[in-house]
Amino acid sequence: MLQVGDNGPGVPRSEWERIFQPYHRLNQPTTQTESVGIGLSVARQLAQLMSGDLTYRHERGWSIFELTLPAWVQPDSPEA
């Protein structure tokens, strides 16, 4: 598991899943660079293709993106 967090304003609860839809963007101030809106969608799709997931949550004033991927086990090891 990998977590990335920041203490910015966060994403409204109603948008938590929508931010992972292709071409979806939150309203951005005019000072921010325009984006296409596919980065989170592509990242989540790649994670899911590898039997993992990418999620977002906001807790205790922090925005947290969490990437989970399954552990890799060498095929000829006893754990396989």
PDB file of N, CA and C in Angstrom:
ATOM      1  N   MET A   1       0.843  -1.171   0.000  1.00  0.00           N
ATOM      2  CA  MET A   1       0.000   0.000   0.000  1.00  0.00           C
ATOM      3  C   MET A   1       0.892   1.239   0.000  1.00  0.00           C
ATOM      4  N   LEU A   2       0.464   2.238  -0.758  1.00  0.00           N
ATOM      5  CA  LEU A   2       1.150   3.514  -0.835  1.00  0.00           C
ATOM      6  C   LEU A   2       0.116   4.603  -0.630  1.00  0.00           C
ATOM      7  N   GLN A   3       0.408   5.542   0.262  1.00  0.00           N
ATOM      8  CA  GLN A   3      -0.497   6.659   0.508  1.00  0.00           C
ATOM      9  C   GLN A   3       0.220   7.966   0.209  1.00  0.00           C
ATOM     10  N   VAL A   4      -0.517   8.876  -0.436  1.00  0.00           N
ATOM     11  CA  VAL A   4      -0.022  10.223  -0.687  1.00  0.00           C
ATOM     12  C   VAL A   4      -1.077  11.164  -0.135  1.00  0.00           C
ATOM     13  N   GLY A   5      -0.647  12.126   0.673  1.00  0.00           N
ATOM     14  CA  GLY A   5      -1.601  13.047   1.271  1.00  0.00           C
ATOM     15  C   GLY A   5      -1.140  14.482   1.221  1.00  0.00           C
ATOM     16  N   ASP A   6      -2.119  15.383   1.297  1.00  0.00           N
ATOM     17  CA  ASP A   6      -1.802  16.805   1.462  1.00  0.00           C
ATOM     18  C   ASP A   6      -2.908  17.446   2.291  1.00  0.00           C
ATOM     19  N   ASN A   7      -2.609  18.612   2.809  1.00  0.00           N
ATOM     20  CA  ASN A   7      -3.572  19.268   3.687  1.00  0.00           C
ATOM     21  C   ASN A   7      -4.285  20.422   2.992  1.00  0.00           C
ATOM     22  N   GLY A   8      -4.520  20.274   1.703  1.00  0.00           N
ATOM     23  CA  GLY A   8      -5.258  21.271   0.935  1.00  0.00           C
ATOM     24  C   GLY A   8      -6.753  21.226   1.259  1.00  0.00           C
ATOM     25  N   PRO A   9      -7.562  21.928   0.481  1.00  0.00           N
ATOM     26  CA  PRO A   9      -8.990  22.031   0.788  1.00  0.00           C
ATOM     27  C   PRO A   9      -9.763  20.725   0.629  1.00  0.00           C
ATOM     28  N   GLY A  10      -9.250  19.780  -0.097  1.00  0.00           N
ATOM     29  CA  GLY A  10      -9.940  18.501  -0.254  1.00  0.00           C
ATOM     30  C   GLY A  10     -10.967  18.515  -1.371  1.00  0.00           C
ATOM     31  N   VAL A  11     -11.532  17.343  -1.595  1.00  0.00           N
ATOM     32  CA  VAL A  11     -12.533  17.128  -2.631  1.00  0.00           C
ATOM     33  C   VAL A  11     -13.878  16.941  -1.926  1.00  0.00           C
ATOM     34  N   PRO A  12     -14.940  17.603  -2.394  1.00  0.00           N
ATOM     35  CA  PRO A  12     -16.254  17.402  -1.768  1.00  0.00           C
ATOM     36  C   PRO A  12     -16.654  15.928  -1.794  1.00  0.00           C
ATOM     37  N   ARG A  13     -17.286  15.471  -0.741  1.00  0.00           N
ATOM     38  CA  ARG A  13     -17.682  14.052  -0.608  1.00  0.00           C
ATOM     39  C   ARG A  13     -18.426  13.562  -1.851  1.00  0.00           C
ATOM     40  N   SER A  14     -19.278  14.399  -2.415  1.00  0.00           N
ATOM     41  CA  SER A  14     -20.069  14.005  -3.590  1.00  0.00           C
ATOM     42  C   SER A  14     -19.208  13.738  -4.820  1.00  0.00           C
ATOM     43  N   GLU A  15     -17.950  14.158  -4.793  1.00  0.00           N
ATOM     44  CA  GLU A  15     -17.047  13.996  -5.939  1.00  0.00           C
ATOM     45  C   GLU A  15     -16.037  12.870  -5.761  1.00  0.00           C
ATOM     46  N   TRP A  16     -16.021  12.221  -4.614  1.00  0.00           N
ATOM     47  CA  TRP A  16     -14.971  11.243  -4.309  1.00  0.00           C
ATOM     48  C   TRP A  16     -14.840  10.158  -5.375  1.00  0.00           C
ATOM     49  N   GLU A  17     -15.900   9.668  -5.919  1.00  0.00           N
ATOM     50  CA  GLU A  17     -15.821   8.648  -6.972  1.00  0.00           C
ATOM     51  C   GLU A  17     -15.765   9.278  -8.362  1.00  0.00           C
ATOM     52  N   ARG A  18     -16.409  10.410  -8.524  1.00  0.00           N
ATOM     53  CA  ARG A  18     -16.446  11.055  -9.836  1.00  0.00           C
ATOM     54  C   ARG A  18     -15.069  11.515 -10.303  1.00  0.00           C
ATOM     55  N   ILE A  19     -14.159  11.830  -9.373  1.00  0.00           N
ATOM     56  CA  ILE A  19     -12.826  12.294  -9.795  1.00  0.00           C
ATOM     57  C   ILE A  19     -12.058  11.217 -10.547  1.00  0.00           C
ATOM     58  N   PHE A  20     -12.509   9.973 -10.464  1.00  0.00           N
ATOM     59  CA  PHE A  20     -11.846   8.869 -11.169  1.00  0.00           C
ATOM     60  C   PHE A  20     -12.475   8.599 -12.538  1.00  0.00           C
ATOM     61  N   GLN A  21     -13.487   9.358 -12.919  1.00  0.00           N
ATOM     62  CA  GLN A  21     -14.109   9.206 -14.229  1.00  0.00           C
ATOM     63  C   GLN A  21     -13.282   9.970 -15.263  1.00  0.00           C
ATOM     64  N   PRO A  22     -13.134   9.397 -16.464  1.00  0.00           N
ATOM     65  CA  PRO A  22     -12.353  10.085 -17.503  1.00  0.00           C
ATOM     66  C   PRO A  22     -12.919  11.475 -17.806  1.00  0.00           C
ATOM     67  N   TYR A  23     -12.036  12.421 -17.939  1.00  0.00           N
ATOM     68  CA  TYR A  23     -12.330  13.801 -18.315  1.00  0.00           C
ATOM     69  C   TYR A  23     -13.100  14.594 -17.261  1.00  0.00           C
ATOM     70  N   HIS A  24     -13.270  14.047 -16.087  1.00  0.00           N
ATOM     71  CA  HIS A  24     -13.934  14.791 -15.007  1.00  0.00           C
ATOM     72  C   HIS A  24     -12.906  15.677 -14.314  1.00  0.00           C
ATOM     73  N   ARG A  25     -13.258  16.933 -14.121  1.00  0.00           N
ATOM     74  CA  ARG A  25     -12.384  17.866 -13.415  1.00  0.00           C
ATOM     75  C   ARG A  25     -13.218  18.657 -12.426  1.00  0.00           C
ATOM     76  N   LEU A  26     -12.639  18.940 -11.289  1.00  0.00           N
ATOM     77  CA  LEU A  26     -13.288  19.835 -10.345  1.00  0.00           C
ATOM     78  C   LEU A  26     -13.115  21.255 -10.862  1.00  0.00           C
ATOM     79  N   ASN A  27     -13.948  22.156 -10.422  1.00  0.00           N
ATOM     80  CA  ASN A  27     -13.768  23.564 -10.785  1.00  0.00           C
ATOM     81  C   ASN A  27     -12.414  24.022 -10.299  1.00  0.00           C
ATOM     82  N   GLN A  28     -11.622  24.576 -11.188  1.00  0.00           N
ATOM     83  CA  GLN A  28     -10.265  25.002 -10.857  1.00  0.00           C
ATOM     84  C   GLN A  28     -10.173  26.520 -10.894  1.00  0.00           C
ATOM     85  N   PRO A  29      -9.441  27.101  -9.962  1.00  0.00           N
ATOM     86  CA  PRO A  29      -9.180  28.539 -10.063  1.00  0.00           C
ATOM     87  C   PRO A  29      -8.428  28.837 -11.358  1.00  0.00           C
ATOM     88  N   THR A  30      -8.573  30.036 -11.853  1.00  0.00           N
ATOM     89  CA  THR A  30      -7.934  30.391 -13.129  1.00  0.00           C
ATOM     90  C   THR A  30      -6.419  30.417 -13.031  1.00  0.00           C
ATOM     91  N   THR A  31      -5.872  30.346 -11.822  1.00  0.00           N
ATOM     92  CA  THR A  31      -4.419  30.361 -11.678  1.00  0.00           C
ATOM     93  C   THR A  31      -3.791  28.991 -11.889  1.00  0.00           C
ATOM     94  N   GLN A  32      -4.606  27.943 -11.935  1.00  0.00           N
ATOM     95  CA  GLN A  32      -4.058  26.595 -12.115  1.00  0.00           C
ATOM     96  C   GLN A  32      -4.005  26.239 -13.596  1.00  0.00           C
ATOM     97  N   THR A  33      -3.029  25.422 -13.942  1.00  0.00           N
ATOM     98  CA  THR A  33      -2.874  24.946 -15.307  1.00  0.00           C
ATOM     99  C   THR A  33      -4.062  24.060 -15.671  1.00  0.00           C
ATOM    100  N   GLU A  34      -4.547  24.212 -16.876  1.00  0.00           N
ATOM    101  CA  GLU A  34      -5.632  23.356 -17.360  1.00  0.00           C
ATOM    102  C   GLU A  34      -5.156  21.909 -17.438  1.00  0.00           C
ATOM    103  N   SER A  35      -6.056  20.997 -17.140  1.00  0.00           N
ATOM    104  CA  SER A  35      -5.737  19.575 -17.260  1.00  0.00           C
ATOM    105  C   SER A  35      -6.787  18.916 -18.136  1.00  0.00           C
ATOM    106  N   VAL A  36      -6.449  17.751 -18.647  1.00  0.00           N
ATOM    107  CA  VAL A  36      -7.374  17.005 -19.485  1.00  0.00           C
ATOM    108  C   VAL A  36      -8.372  16.237 -18.633  1.00  0.00           C
ATOM    109  N   GLY A  37      -7.942  15.785 -17.478  1.00  0.00           N
ATOM    110  CA  GLY A  37      -8.846  15.070 -16.592  1.00  0.00           C
ATOM    111  C   GLY A  37      -8.835  13.562 -16.771  1.00  0.00           C
ATOM    112  N   ILE A  38      -7.706  12.995 -17.193  1.00  0.00           N
ATOM    113  CA  ILE A  38      -7.661  11.542 -17.360  1.00  0.00           C
ATOM    114  C   ILE A  38      -6.652  10.856 -16.442  1.00  0.00           C
ATOM    115  N   GLY A  39      -5.823  11.616 -15.749  1.00  0.00           N
ATOM    116  CA  GLY A  39      -4.763  11.019 -14.936  1.00  0.00           C
ATOM    117  C   GLY A  39      -5.259  10.061 -13.879  1.00  0.00           C
ATOM    118  N   LEU A  40      -6.232  10.481 -13.071  1.00  0.00           N
ATOM    119  CA  LEU A  40      -6.739   9.605 -12.013  1.00  0.00           C
ATOM    120  C   LEU A  40      -7.482   8.408 -12.590  1.00  0.00           C
ATOM    121  N   SER A  41      -8.182   8.616 -13.689  1.00  0.00           N
ATOM    122  CA  SER A  41      -8.898   7.517 -14.330  1.00  0.00           C
ATOM    123  C   SER A  41      -7.920   6.447 -14.825  1.00  0.00           C
ATOM    124  N   VAL A  42      -6.877   6.872 -15.499  1.00  0.00           N
ATOM    125  CA  VAL A  42      -5.873   5.936 -16.011  1.00  0.00           C
ATOM    126  C   VAL A  42      -5.166   5.230 -14.857  1.00  0.00           C
ATOM    127  N   ALA A  43      -4.793   5.987 -13.836  1.00  0.00           N
ATOM    128  CA  ALA A  43      -4.096   5.394 -12.687  1.00  0.00           C
ATOM    129  C   ALA A  43      -4.954   4.331 -12.003  1.00  0.00           C
ATOM    130  N   ARG A  44      -6.252   4.623 -11.816  1.00  0.00           N
ATOM    131  CA  ARG A  44      -7.132   3.636 -11.177  1.00  0.00           C
ATOM    132  C   ARG A  44      -7.308   2.410 -12.066  1.00  0.00           C
ATOM    133  N   GLN A  45      -7.480   2.624 -13.360  1.00  0.00           N
ATOM    134  CA  GLN A  45      -7.639   1.485 -14.265  1.00  0.00           C
ATOM    135  C   GLN A  45      -6.411   0.588 -14.249  1.00  0.00           C
ATOM    136  N   LEU A  46      -5.224   1.182 -14.245  1.00  0.00           N
ATOM    137  CA  LEU A  46      -4.000   0.377 -14.174  1.00  0.00           C
ATOM    138  C   LEU A  46      -3.929  -0.398 -12.861  1.00  0.00           C
ATOM    139  N   ALA A  47      -4.260   0.249 -11.765  1.00  0.00           N
ATOM    140  CA  ALA A  47      -4.256  -0.436 -10.464  1.00  0.00           C
ATOM    141  C   ALA A  47      -5.230  -1.610 -10.483  1.00  0.00           C
ATOM    142  N   GLN A  48      -6.423  -1.392 -11.012  1.00  0.00           N
ATOM    143  CA  GLN A  48      -7.425  -2.457 -11.042  1.00  0.00           C
ATOM    144  C   GLN A  48      -7.030  -3.598 -11.978  1.00  0.00           C
ATOM    145  N   LEU A  49      -6.339  -3.286 -13.068  1.00  0.00           N
ATOM    146  CA  LEU A  49      -5.845  -4.333 -13.958  1.00  0.00           C
ATOM    147  C   LEU A  49      -4.808  -5.220 -13.270  1.00  0.00           C
ATOM    148  N   MET A  50      -4.164  -4.673 -12.245  1.00  0.00           N
ATOM    149  CA  MET A  50      -3.175  -5.431 -11.474  1.00  0.00           C
ATOM    150  C   MET A  50      -3.782  -5.964 -10.171  1.00  0.00           C
ATOM    151  N   SER A  51      -5.109  -6.083 -10.137  1.00  0.00           N
ATOM    152  CA  SER A  51      -5.857  -6.595  -8.972  1.00  0.00           C
ATOM    153  C   SER A  51      -5.712  -5.714  -7.736  1.00  0.00           C
ATOM    154  N   GLY A  52      -5.560  -4.421  -7.950  1.00  0.00           N
ATOM    155  CA  GLY A  52      -5.468  -3.461  -6.853  1.00  0.00           C
ATOM    156  C   GLY A  52      -6.522  -2.396  -7.005  1.00  0.00           C
ATOM    157  N   ASP A  53      -6.285  -1.243  -6.394  1.00  0.00           N
ATOM    158  CA  ASP A  53      -7.234  -0.142  -6.498  1.00  0.00           C
ATOM    159  C   ASP A  53      -6.540   1.171  -6.127  1.00  0.00           C
ATOM    160  N   LEU A  54      -7.136   2.262  -6.547  1.00  0.00           N
ATOM    161  CA  LEU A  54      -6.711   3.600  -6.175  1.00  0.00           C
ATOM    162  C   LEU A  54      -7.942   4.288  -5.615  1.00  0.00           C
ATOM    163  N   THR A  55      -7.855   4.802  -4.399  1.00  0.00           N
ATOM    164  CA  THR A  55      -9.002   5.426  -3.747  1.00  0.00           C
ATOM    165  C   THR A  55      -8.625   6.797  -3.212  1.00  0.00           C
ATOM    166  N   TYR A  56      -9.659   7.563  -2.880  1.00  0.00           N
ATOM    167  CA  TYR A  56      -9.481   8.886  -2.277  1.00  0.00           C
ATOM    168  C   TYR A  56     -10.346   8.961  -1.035  1.00  0.00           C
ATOM    169  N   ARG A  57      -9.833   9.676  -0.028  1.00  0.00           N
ATOM    170  CA  ARG A  57     -10.631   9.999   1.151  1.00  0.00           C
ATOM    171  C   ARG A  57     -10.071  11.272   1.765  1.00  0.00           C
ATOM    172  N   HIS A  58     -10.862  11.903   2.591  1.00  0.00           N
ATOM    173  CA  HIS A  58     -10.437  13.119   3.283  1.00  0.00           C
ATOM    174  C   HIS A  58     -10.733  12.901   4.760  1.00  0.00           C
ATOM    175  N   GLU A  59      -9.684  12.945   5.570  1.00  0.00           N
ATOM    176  CA  GLU A  59      -9.887  12.742   7.005  1.00  0.00           C
ATOM    177  C   GLU A  59      -8.924  13.609   7.809  1.00  0.00           C
ATOM    178  N   ARG A  60      -9.430  14.122   8.900  1.00  0.00           N
ATOM    179  CA  ARG A  60      -8.647  14.970   9.812  1.00  0.00           C
ATOM    180  C   ARG A  60      -7.891  16.079   9.070  1.00  0.00           C
ATOM    181  N   GLY A  61      -8.548  16.674   8.064  1.00  0.00           N
ATOM    182  CA  GLY A  61      -7.952  17.783   7.335  1.00  0.00           C
ATOM    183  C   GLY A  61      -6.971  17.396   6.235  1.00  0.00           C
ATOM    184  N   TRP A  62      -6.879  16.113   5.944  1.00  0.00           N
ATOM    185  CA  TRP A  62      -5.932  15.637   4.926  1.00  0.00           C
ATOM    186  C   TRP A  62      -6.664  14.930   3.791  1.00  0.00           C
ATOM    187  N   SER A  63      -6.251  15.234   2.546  1.00  0.00           N
ATOM    188  CA  SER A  63      -6.674  14.471   1.374  1.00  0.00           C
ATOM    189  C   SER A  63      -5.696  13.320   1.229  1.00  0.00           C
ATOM    190  N   ILE A  64      -6.231  12.118   1.102  1.00  0.00           N
ATOM    191  CA  ILE A  64      -5.375  10.929   1.026  1.00  0.00           C
ATOM    192  C   ILE A  64      -5.759  10.100  -0.196  1.00  0.00           C
ATOM    193  N   PHE A  65      -4.796   9.915  -1.083  1.00  0.00           N
ATOM    194  CA  PHE A  65      -4.939   8.965  -2.176  1.00  0.00           C
ATOM    195  C   PHE A  65      -4.187   7.712  -1.753  1.00  0.00           C
ATOM    196  N   GLU A  66      -4.851   6.566  -1.904  1.00  0.00           N
ATOM    197  CA  GLU A  66      -4.248   5.308  -1.457  1.00  0.00           C
ATOM    198  C   GLU A  66      -4.226   4.312  -2.609  1.00  0.00           C
ATOM    199  N   LEU A  67      -3.038   3.836  -2.916  1.00  0.00           N
ATOM    200  CA  LEU A  67      -2.844   2.820  -3.952  1.00  0.00           C
ATOM    201  C   LEU A  67      -2.565   1.494  -3.253  1.00  0.00           C
ATOM    202  N   THR A  68      -3.379   0.504  -3.562  1.00  0.00           N
ATOM    203  CA  THR A  68      -3.144  -0.837  -3.026  1.00  0.00           C
ATOM    204  C   THR A  68      -2.921  -1.783  -4.199  1.00  0.00           C
ATOM    205  N   LEU A  69      -1.922  -2.600  -4.059  1.00  0.00           N
ATOM    206  CA  LEU A  69      -1.613  -3.628  -5.050  1.00  0.00           C
ATOM    207  C   LEU A  69      -1.313  -4.913  -4.299  1.00  0.00           C
ATOM    208  N   PRO A  70      -1.635  -6.057  -4.895  1.00  0.00           N
ATOM    209  CA  PRO A  70      -1.338  -7.316  -4.213  1.00  0.00           C
ATOM    210  C   PRO A  70       0.169  -7.542  -4.117  1.00  0.00           C
ATOM    211  N   ALA A  71       0.567  -8.238  -3.092  1.00  0.00           N
ATOM    212  CA  ALA A  71       1.987  -8.595  -2.942  1.00  0.00           C
ATOM    213  C   ALA A  71       2.347  -9.592  -4.026  1.00  0.00           C
ATOM    214  N   TRP A  72       3.563  -9.472  -4.532  1.00  0.00           N
ATOM    215  CA  TRP A  72       4.038 -10.418  -5.534  1.00  0.00           C
ATOM    216  C   TRP A  72       4.739 -11.558  -4.827  1.00  0.00           C
ATOM    217  N   VAL A  73       4.400 -12.762  -5.220  1.00  0.00           N
ATOM    218  CA  VAL A  73       5.043 -13.945  -4.675  1.00  0.00           C
ATOM    219  C   VAL A  73       5.706 -14.693  -5.811  1.00  0.00           C
ATOM    220  N   GLN A  74       6.969 -14.998  -5.649  1.00  0.00           N
ATOM    221  CA  GLN A  74       7.682 -15.733  -6.706  1.00  0.00           C
ATOM    222  C   GLN A  74       6.968 -17.067  -6.923  1.00  0.00           C
ATOM    223  N   PRO A  75       6.646 -17.416  -8.193  1.00  0.00           N
ATOM    224  CA  PRO A  75       5.856 -18.613  -8.490  1.00  0.00           C
ATOM    225  C   PRO A  75       6.415 -19.914  -7.904  1.00  0.00           C
ATOM    226  N   ASP A  76       7.719 -20.070  -7.768  1.00  0.00           N
ATOM    227  CA  ASP A  76       8.259 -21.330  -7.264  1.00  0.00           C
ATOM    228  C   ASP A  76       8.554 -21.284  -5.758  1.00  0.00           C
ATOM    229  N   SER A  77       8.036 -20.273  -5.058  1.00  0.00           N
ATOM    230  CA  SER A  77       8.263 -20.188  -3.620  1.00  0.00           C
ATOM    231  C   SER A  77       7.184 -20.982  -2.872  1.00  0.00           C
ATOM    232  N   PRO A  78       7.423 -21.374  -1.643  1.00  0.00           N
ATOM    233  CA  PRO A  78       6.439 -22.144  -0.863  1.00  0.00           C
ATOM    234  C   PRO A  78       5.134 -21.379  -0.632  1.00  0.00           C
ATOM    235  N   GLU A  79       5.190 -20.010  -0.655  1.00  0.00           N
ATOM    236  CA  GLU A  79       3.977 -19.232  -0.413  1.00  0.00           C
ATOM    237  C   GLU A  79       3.015 -19.232  -1.602  1.00  0.00           C
ATOM    238  N   ALA A  80       3.508 -19.613  -2.794  1.00  0.00           N
ATOM    239  CA  ALA A  80       2.697 -19.530  -4.000  1.00  0.00           C
ATOM    240  C   ALA A  80       1.591 -20.560  -4.018  1.00  0.00           C
TER     241      ALA A  80
END
